[in-house]
Protein backbone atom coordinates (compact mmCIF):
# COMPACT_ATOMS: atom_id res chain seq x y z
CA MET A 1 0.00 0.00 0.00
CA GLN A 2 1.34 3.41 -1.01
CA LEU A 3 0.89 5.87 1.84
CA THR A 4 1.44 9.56 2.37
CA VAL A 5 1.74 10.75 5.97
CA SER A 6 0.89 14.39 6.68
CA SER A 7 -0.16 16.53 9.61
CA LEU A 8 -3.44 18.38 9.85
CA ALA A 9 -1.43 21.59 10.07
CA GLU A 10 -0.13 20.82 6.56
CA ARG A 11 -3.47 19.55 5.24
CA PRO A 12 -6.27 21.25 7.20
CA GLU A 13 -8.79 20.35 4.51
CA MET A 14 -8.53 16.70 5.66
CA LEU A 15 -9.99 17.40 9.11
CA GLY A 16 -13.35 15.85 8.28
CA GLN A 17 -11.83 12.63 6.95
CA VAL A 18 -9.46 12.31 9.90
CA VAL A 19 -12.03 12.77 12.66
CA GLY A 20 -14.61 10.74 10.73
CA MET A 21 -12.40 7.72 10.08
CA ALA A 22 -13.90 4.42 11.27
CA ASN A 23 -12.42 2.86 14.40
CA THR A 24 -12.91 -0.22 16.57
CA TRP A 25 -12.92 1.32 20.07
CA PRO A 26 -15.31 -0.37 22.50
CA GLU A 27 -18.31 1.89 23.03
CA PHE A 28 -17.72 2.35 26.76
CA LEU A 29 -14.26 3.87 26.13
CA LEU A 30 -15.92 6.77 24.34
CA HIS A 31 -17.48 7.89 27.62
CA ASP A 32 -14.38 8.79 29.62
CA PRO A 33 -15.23 12.37 30.71
CA VAL A 34 -11.63 13.59 30.38
CA GLY A 35 -11.45 12.26 26.85
CA ASN A 36 -14.82 13.77 26.00
CA ALA A 37 -13.66 17.15 27.27
CA HIS A 38 -10.29 17.27 25.52
CA TYR A 39 -9.72 14.64 22.80
CA GLY A 40 -11.70 16.47 20.13
CA ARG A 41 -9.75 19.66 20.78
CA ILE A 42 -6.47 18.15 19.60
CA ALA A 43 -7.37 18.18 15.91
CA THR A 44 -8.46 21.82 15.94
CA GLU A 45 -6.09 23.35 18.52
CA LEU A 46 -2.98 21.22 17.99
CA PRO A 47 -3.19 20.20 14.30
CA GLU A 48 0.60 19.96 14.02
CA TYR A 49 0.42 16.98 16.42
CA VAL A 50 -2.25 15.12 14.45
CA LEU A 51 -0.79 12.88 11.75
CA PHE A 52 -2.73 10.86 9.21
CA ALA A 53 -1.92 8.30 6.54
CA GLU A 54 -3.58 8.66 3.17
CA ASP A 55 -3.67 5.79 0.66
CA GLU A 56 -3.30 6.06 -3.10
CA HIS A 57 -7.05 6.72 -3.44
CA GLY A 58 -6.94 9.71 -1.10
CA ASP A 59 -8.64 7.87 1.76
CA VAL A 60 -7.47 8.30 5.35
CA VAL A 61 -6.53 4.85 6.65
CA ALA A 62 -4.78 5.70 9.94
CA HIS A 63 -4.18 8.61 12.25
CA GLY A 64 -2.10 9.40 15.30
CA TYR A 65 -2.82 12.03 17.93
CA SER A 66 -0.23 13.37 20.37
CA VAL A 67 0.04 16.37 22.69
CA PRO A 68 2.95 18.43 24.04
CA PHE A 69 2.90 18.96 27.79
CA ALA A 70 5.13 19.87 30.72
CA LEU A 71 6.18 16.63 32.35
CA ILE A 72 8.50 18.59 34.62
CA ASP A 73 6.69 21.33 36.52
CA VAL A 74 9.24 23.94 37.60
CA ASP A 75 6.92 25.01 40.43
CA GLU A 76 6.36 21.54 41.83
CA ASP A 77 7.29 20.60 45.39
CA ASP A 78 10.30 18.30 45.14
CA GLU A 79 9.65 16.97 48.65
CA HIS A 80 6.74 14.93 47.32
CA GLU A 81 8.11 11.75 45.76
CA GLU A 82 5.24 11.39 43.30
CA ARG A 83 6.09 14.83 41.88
CA GLU A 84 9.85 14.29 41.76
CA ALA A 85 11.40 15.19 38.43
CA TYR A 86 14.82 15.81 37.02
CA VAL A 87 16.61 16.77 33.83
CA ASP A 88 18.95 14.24 32.27
CA GLU A 89 20.87 15.94 29.45
CA GLU A 90 22.64 12.74 28.39
CA ALA A 91 19.28 11.02 27.91
CA GLY A 92 18.14 13.72 25.51
CA GLY A 93 16.50 16.33 27.69
CA ALA A 94 13.62 16.48 30.12
CA ARG A 95 12.72 13.44 32.15
CA GLY A 96 10.22 13.15 34.93
CA VAL A 97 8.01 10.77 36.84
CA LEU A 98 5.14 9.63 34.64
CA PRO A 99 1.71 10.19 36.22
CA ALA A 100 -0.33 7.35 37.68
CA ARG A 101 -3.43 8.75 35.97
CA GLY A 102 -1.78 8.23 32.59
CA TRP A 103 -3.93 9.08 29.58
CA ASP A 104 -6.42 11.23 31.48
CA GLU A 105 -3.66 13.19 33.20
CA VAL A 106 -1.61 14.05 30.12
CA LEU A 107 -4.71 15.12 28.19
CA ALA A 108 -5.86 17.40 30.99
CA ARG A 109 -2.34 18.68 31.67
CA ALA A 110 -1.62 19.47 28.02
CA PHE A 111 -4.55 21.85 27.72
CA ALA A 112 -4.04 23.31 31.20
CA ASP A 113 -0.44 24.07 30.18
CA ARG A 114 -1.67 25.83 27.04
CA ARG A 115 -4.09 27.92 29.08
CA ARG A 116 -1.39 28.92 31.56
CA GLY A 117 1.32 29.45 28.97
CA THR A 118 3.54 26.74 30.49
CA PRO A 119 6.20 25.64 27.97
CA PRO A 120 6.02 21.91 27.13
CA ASP A 121 9.07 19.68 27.50
CA THR A 122 7.67 16.32 26.36
CA VAL A 123 5.24 14.88 23.83
CA SER A 124 2.76 12.22 24.86
CA ALA A 125 1.13 9.84 22.42
CA ILE A 126 -2.65 9.90 22.84
CA SER A 127 -3.88 7.48 20.20
CA ILE A 128 -2.93 5.63 17.06
CA VAL A 129 -5.94 4.36 15.16
CA VAL A 130 -5.93 2.19 12.05
CA ALA A 131 -9.05 1.82 9.91
CA PRO A 132 -10.62 -1.64 10.36
CA HIS A 133 -10.20 -2.75 6.74
CA VAL A 134 -6.40 -2.30 6.77
CA GLN A 135 -5.56 -3.55 10.26
CA GLY A 136 -2.81 -6.15 10.55
CA GLY A 137 -0.57 -4.59 7.91
CA GLY A 138 1.91 -2.82 10.15
CA LEU A 139 0.34 0.61 9.85
CA SER A 140 0.36 1.19 13.61
CA GLY A 141 4.15 0.85 13.67
CA ARG A 142 4.50 3.27 10.77
CA MET A 143 2.33 5.83 12.53
CA LEU A 144 4.33 5.43 15.74
CA SER A 145 7.54 6.08 13.79
CA ALA A 146 5.97 9.15 12.19
CA MET A 147 4.88 10.40 15.61
CA ARG A 148 8.42 10.06 16.94
CA ASP A 149 9.78 11.91 13.89
CA ASN A 150 7.19 14.65 14.30
CA ALA A 151 8.10 15.22 17.95
CA ARG A 152 11.78 15.37 17.04
CA ALA A 153 11.05 17.88 14.27
CA HIS A 154 9.32 20.10 16.84
CA GLY A 155 12.41 20.11 19.00
CA PHE A 156 11.50 17.49 21.61
CA GLY A 157 13.87 14.84 22.90
CA GLU A 158 11.28 12.42 24.20
CA VAL A 159 7.91 10.84 23.49
CA VAL A 160 6.03 9.05 26.24
CA ALA A 161 3.04 6.81 25.66
CA PRO A 162 0.33 5.52 28.01
CA VAL A 163 -0.09 2.32 26.01
CA ARG A 164 -3.29 0.29 25.97
CA PRO A 165 -1.92 -3.25 25.41
CA SER A 166 -3.79 -4.75 22.49
CA ALA A 167 -4.18 -8.31 23.84
CA LYS A 168 -4.73 -7.56 27.53
CA HIS A 169 -8.52 -7.78 27.08
CA LEU A 170 -8.07 -11.53 26.54
CA GLU A 171 -7.01 -11.94 30.18
CA PRO A 172 -8.75 -9.16 32.12
CA ARG A 173 -8.08 -10.68 35.55
CA THR A 174 -4.31 -10.80 35.12
CA PRO A 175 -2.72 -7.91 37.05
CA MET A 176 -1.37 -5.30 34.64
CA GLN A 177 1.93 -5.21 36.53
CA GLU A 178 2.44 -8.87 35.66
CA TYR A 179 1.17 -8.58 32.09
CA ALA A 180 3.12 -5.45 31.14
CA PHE A 181 6.53 -6.95 31.87
CA ARG A 182 5.86 -10.45 30.52
CA LYS A 183 8.31 -11.39 27.78
CA ARG A 184 8.60 -13.96 25.02
CA ALA A 185 11.56 -16.27 24.61
CA ASP A 186 13.23 -13.69 22.34
CA GLY A 187 13.10 -11.07 25.09
CA LEU A 188 10.43 -8.94 23.46
CA PRO A 189 7.14 -8.15 25.23
CA HIS A 190 4.37 -10.71 25.16
CA ASP A 191 1.82 -8.10 24.08
CA PRO A 192 1.79 -7.23 20.34
CA TRP A 193 1.33 -3.46 20.75
CA LEU A 194 3.98 -3.24 23.45
CA ARG A 195 6.27 -5.17 21.08
CA VAL A 196 5.78 -2.51 18.40
CA HIS A 197 6.82 0.19 20.87
CA VAL A 198 9.89 -1.69 22.07
CA ARG A 199 11.00 -2.48 18.52
CA ALA A 200 10.70 1.24 17.76
CA GLY A 201 13.08 2.03 20.60
CA GLY A 202 10.68 2.47 23.51
CA VAL A 203 11.33 1.26 27.06
CA ILE A 204 8.52 -0.07 29.24
CA GLU A 205 8.80 1.98 32.41
CA ALA A 206 5.77 1.61 34.66
CA VAL A 207 2.07 0.89 34.95
CA ALA A 208 -0.38 3.78 35.05
CA PRO A 209 -2.96 2.15 37.36
CA ALA A 210 -5.76 4.65 36.76
CA SER A 211 -5.21 5.83 33.20
CA MET A 212 -8.88 6.11 32.21
CA THR A 213 -12.04 6.11 34.32
CA VAL A 214 -15.59 5.54 33.10
CA ALA A 215 -18.34 5.77 35.71
CA ALA A 216 -21.94 5.42 34.62
CA SER A 217 -25.35 4.07 35.54
CA LEU A 218 -26.13 0.40 35.06
CA GLU A 219 -28.58 1.34 32.32
CA GLU A 220 -25.81 3.07 30.40
CA TRP A 221 -23.50 0.08 30.81
CA ARG A 222 -26.28 -2.22 29.56
CA ASP A 223 -26.77 -0.02 26.49
CA TRP A 224 -23.02 0.07 25.75
CA THR A 225 -22.29 -3.63 26.25
CA GLY A 226 -25.53 -5.60 25.91
CA LEU A 227 -24.76 -7.24 29.26
CA PRO A 228 -27.31 -7.45 32.11
CA PHE A 229 -25.17 -5.78 34.81
CA ASP A 230 -27.37 -7.36 37.47
CA THR A 231 -24.66 -8.99 39.60
CA GLU A 232 -22.76 -7.28 42.39
CA GLY A 233 -18.98 -7.29 41.99
CA LEU A 234 -16.65 -7.66 39.03
CA VAL A 235 -18.09 -7.92 35.52
CA GLN A 236 -15.99 -8.93 32.53
CA VAL A 237 -16.80 -6.76 29.54
CA PRO A 238 -15.59 -7.47 25.99
CA GLY A 239 -12.76 -5.11 25.13
CA ALA A 240 -12.08 -4.11 28.73
CA LEU A 241 -8.57 -4.63 30.07
CA VAL A 242 -9.80 -5.27 33.61
CA PRO A 243 -13.24 -6.10 35.02
CA VAL A 244 -15.82 -3.40 35.65
CA HIS A 245 -16.87 -2.82 39.27
CA CYS A 246 -20.65 -3.20 39.41
CA GLU A 247 -22.65 -1.93 42.41
CA THR A 248 -26.23 -3.05 41.87
CA GLY A 249 -27.39 -1.52 45.15
CA ARG A 250 -26.34 1.91 43.94
CA GLY A 251 -27.28 1.40 40.30
CA TYR A 252 -23.77 2.27 39.18
CA ALA A 253 -20.65 0.69 37.69
CA VAL A 254 -17.09 2.00 37.40
CA TYR A 255 -14.28 1.00 35.08
CA VAL A 256 -10.74 2.07 35.98
CA GLU A 257 -8.34 1.12 33.20
CA PRO A 258 -4.62 0.64 33.76
CA ASN A 259 -2.25 1.44 30.91
CA VAL A 260 1.49 0.92 30.47
CA TRP A 261 3.92 3.81 30.32
CA VAL A 262 6.50 3.48 27.54
CA ARG A 263 9.26 6.07 27.18
CA HIS A 264 10.87 6.81 23.80
CA THR A 265 14.10 8.80 23.90
CA LEU A 266 14.58 10.42 20.51
């Protein structure tokens, strides 16, 4: 397949095709309130960090969203271990402790930094999506490479990624800490998407235990999943990386998704 990769800053007329491209996200993931508040802003406010792949027919077949943010807060209190950060010039620039709230945190922080005028020091991957009809052809790896190149071209020395392991949903009750660091006989990660990151030069650093949170009524969960949600406790939902906590007495269920932090030094 012949592909052309561009940014929305270069090709703003492609906005409709990029945001309208088909995807395979589970329905419940589209109801993370942080994502709902900020994800759609990336294409219009940060078009230089939205890349897309166009095939020979002019159709968008993949896209990758990222955001620049300040991983190191110069005003932070260094006495708090969870806020500790440092600069490592030999490693290519700014380095800091990656947040436990992963995807939600970097999205919220990126736009808070823009509002405050805080200079970014790091780029975080937000999503790489491949159209369903061309999945399995290595496009995700090509988009990851393009995202790394784009960050480097904008003067950054690092890309971090709160990765959603692609096969974790097959074993939702396995602790993410165990799954994230599982390796094959060749030393590469067990998970296919984590393997793509490591082959591209990324290093698996930590688990983000609360990277996304979706809390909703049982009726909403029933609509999204087709499941009864009538049993107290943990409910396994197709596409979920961990079980959903169902509280029938309160008519509510909460999904807290762990992701895996991967650091790419450019």
